[in-house]
C-alpha atoms as a PDB file:
ATOM      1  CA  UNK A   1      -0.115   0.110   0.123  1.00  0.00           C
ATOM      2  CA  UNK A   2       1.134   3.555  -0.550  1.00  0.00           C
ATOM      3  CA  UNK A   3       1.719   6.234   2.362  1.00  0.00           C
ATOM      4  CA  UNK A   4      -1.390   7.982   1.619  1.00  0.00           C
ATOM      5  CA  UNK A   5      -3.530   4.839   1.731  1.00  0.00           C
ATOM      6  CA  UNK A   6      -1.959   3.735   5.104  1.00  0.00           C
ATOM      7  CA  UNK A   7      -2.983   7.013   6.405  1.00  0.00           C
ATOM      8  CA  UNK A   8      -6.527   7.073   5.254  1.00  0.00           C
ATOM      9  CA  UNK A   9      -6.843   3.635   7.168  1.00  0.00           C
ATOM     10  CA  UNK A  10      -5.008   4.899  10.342  1.00  0.00           C
ATOM     11  CA  UNK A  11      -7.716   7.545  10.786  1.00  0.00           C
ATOM     12  CA  UNK A  12     -10.446   5.069   9.795  1.00  0.00           C
ATOM     13  CA  UNK A  13      -9.542   3.103  12.662  1.00  0.00           C
ATOM     14  CA  UNK A  14      -9.327   5.877  14.925  1.00  0.00           C
ATOM     15  CA  UNK A  15     -12.858   6.885  14.000  1.00  0.00           C
ATOM     16  CA  UNK A  16     -13.984   3.411  14.388  1.00  0.00           C
ATOM     17  CA  UNK A  17     -12.390   2.843  17.921  1.00  0.00           C
ATOM     18  CA  UNK A  18     -14.430   6.073  19.002  1.00  0.00           C
ATOM     19  CA  UNK A  19     -17.476   4.895  17.794  1.00  0.00           C
ATOM     20  CA  UNK A  20     -17.288   1.469  19.115  1.00  0.00           C
ATOM     21  CA  UNK A  21     -16.306   2.772  22.738  1.00  0.00           C
ATOM     22  CA  UNK A  22     -19.111   5.102  22.538  1.00  0.00           C
ATOM     23  CA  UNK A  23     -21.760   2.124  21.389  1.00  0.00           C
ATOM     24  CA  UNK A  24     -20.383  -0.281  23.862  1.00  0.00           C
ATOM     25  CA  UNK A  25     -20.610   2.309  26.722  1.00  0.00           C
ATOM     26  CA  UNK A  26     -24.217   3.062  25.813  1.00  0.00           C
ATOM     27  CA  UNK A  27     -25.202  -0.837  25.477  1.00  0.00           C
ATOM     28  CA  UNK A  28     -23.674  -1.442  28.961  1.00  0.00           C
ATOM     29  CA  UNK A  29     -25.759   1.608  30.354  1.00  0.00           C
ATOM     30  CA  UNK A  30     -29.013   0.269  28.627  1.00  0.00           C
ATOM     31  CA  UNK A  31     -28.520  -3.326  30.079  1.00  0.00           C
ATOM     32  CA  UNK A  32     -27.644  -1.857  33.399  1.00  0.00           C
ATOM     33  CA  UNK A  33     -30.731   0.333  33.040  1.00  0.00           C
ATOM     34  CA  UNK A  34     -33.054  -3.035  32.178  1.00  0.00           C
ATOM     35  CA  UNK A  35     -32.260  -4.416  35.341  1.00  0.00           C
ATOM     36  CA  UNK A  36     -32.001  -1.332  37.540  1.00  0.00           C
ATOM     37  CA  UNK A  37     -35.249   0.465  36.223  1.00  0.00           C
ATOM     38  CA  UNK A  38     -33.417   3.784  36.129  1.00  0.00           C
ATOM     39  CA  UNK A  39     -33.809   4.566  32.402  1.00  0.00           C
ATOM     40  CA  UNK A  40     -32.200   6.796  31.108  1.00  0.00           C
ATOM     41  CA  UNK A  41     -29.595   7.590  33.354  1.00  0.00           C
ATOM     42  CA  UNK A  42     -26.955   4.823  33.559  1.00  0.00           C
ATOM     43  CA  UNK A  43     -27.314   4.569  29.430  1.00  0.00           C
ATOM     44  CA  UNK A  44     -26.368   8.092  29.351  1.00  0.00           C
ATOM     45  CA  UNK A  45     -23.656   7.723  31.617  1.00  0.00           C
ATOM     46  CA  UNK A  46     -22.344   4.812  29.769  1.00  0.00           C
ATOM     47  CA  UNK A  47     -22.487   6.469  26.729  1.00  0.00           C
ATOM     48  CA  UNK A  48     -20.506   9.468  28.551  1.00  0.00           C
ATOM     49  CA  UNK A  49     -18.255   7.083  29.710  1.00  0.00           C
ATOM     50  CA  UNK A  50     -17.632   5.487  26.671  1.00  0.00           C
ATOM     51  CA  UNK A  51     -17.036   8.798  24.817  1.00  0.00           C
ATOM     52  CA  UNK A  52     -14.508   9.838  27.335  1.00  0.00           C
ATOM     53  CA  UNK A  53     -12.684   6.198  26.760  1.00  0.00           C
ATOM     54  CA  UNK A  54     -12.849   6.725  23.062  1.00  0.00           C
ATOM     55  CA  UNK A  55     -11.344  10.196  23.302  1.00  0.00           C
ATOM     56  CA  UNK A  56      -8.589   8.816  25.220  1.00  0.00           C
ATOM     57  CA  UNK A  57      -8.003   6.311  22.607  1.00  0.00           C
ATOM     58  CA  UNK A  58      -7.962   8.965  19.922  1.00  0.00           C
ATOM     59  CA  UNK A  59      -5.480  11.092  21.593  1.00  0.00           C
ATOM     60  CA  UNK A  60      -3.156   7.967  22.692  1.00  0.00           C
ATOM     61  CA  UNK A  61      -3.138   7.075  18.885  1.00  0.00           C
ATOM     62  CA  UNK A  62      -2.298  10.683  17.933  1.00  0.00           C
ATOM     63  CA  UNK A  63       0.352  11.100  20.197  1.00  0.00           C
ATOM     64  CA  UNK A  64       1.937   7.757  19.576  1.00  0.00           C
ATOM     65  CA  UNK A  65       2.055   8.649  15.995  1.00  0.00           C
ATOM     66  CA  UNK A  66       4.422  11.799  16.471  1.00  0.00           C
ATOM     67  CA  UNK A  67       6.810   9.703  18.671  1.00  0.00           C
ATOM     68  CA  UNK A  68       7.129   7.288  15.699  1.00  0.00           C
ATOM     69  CA  UNK A  69       7.559  10.096  12.949  1.00  0.00           C
ATOM     70  CA  UNK A  70      10.821  11.185  14.570  1.00  0.00           C
ATOM     71  CA  UNK A  71       9.672  14.773  15.692  1.00  0.00           C
END
């Protein structure tokens, strides 16, 4: 693959990681809400936690790329 194609896949992976983290948190909160009867609070909290975890993954990936680049 060319360098430009690799860059596209890198950014696609970052976006998918963010989406997966938010969806996983949302789903976990939904499941807990069904058991506890607290809808929609745990679902919203799970989505917020997933968003925080997703942004952590994005920042970690972007900063690890800077160190590999040599600058």
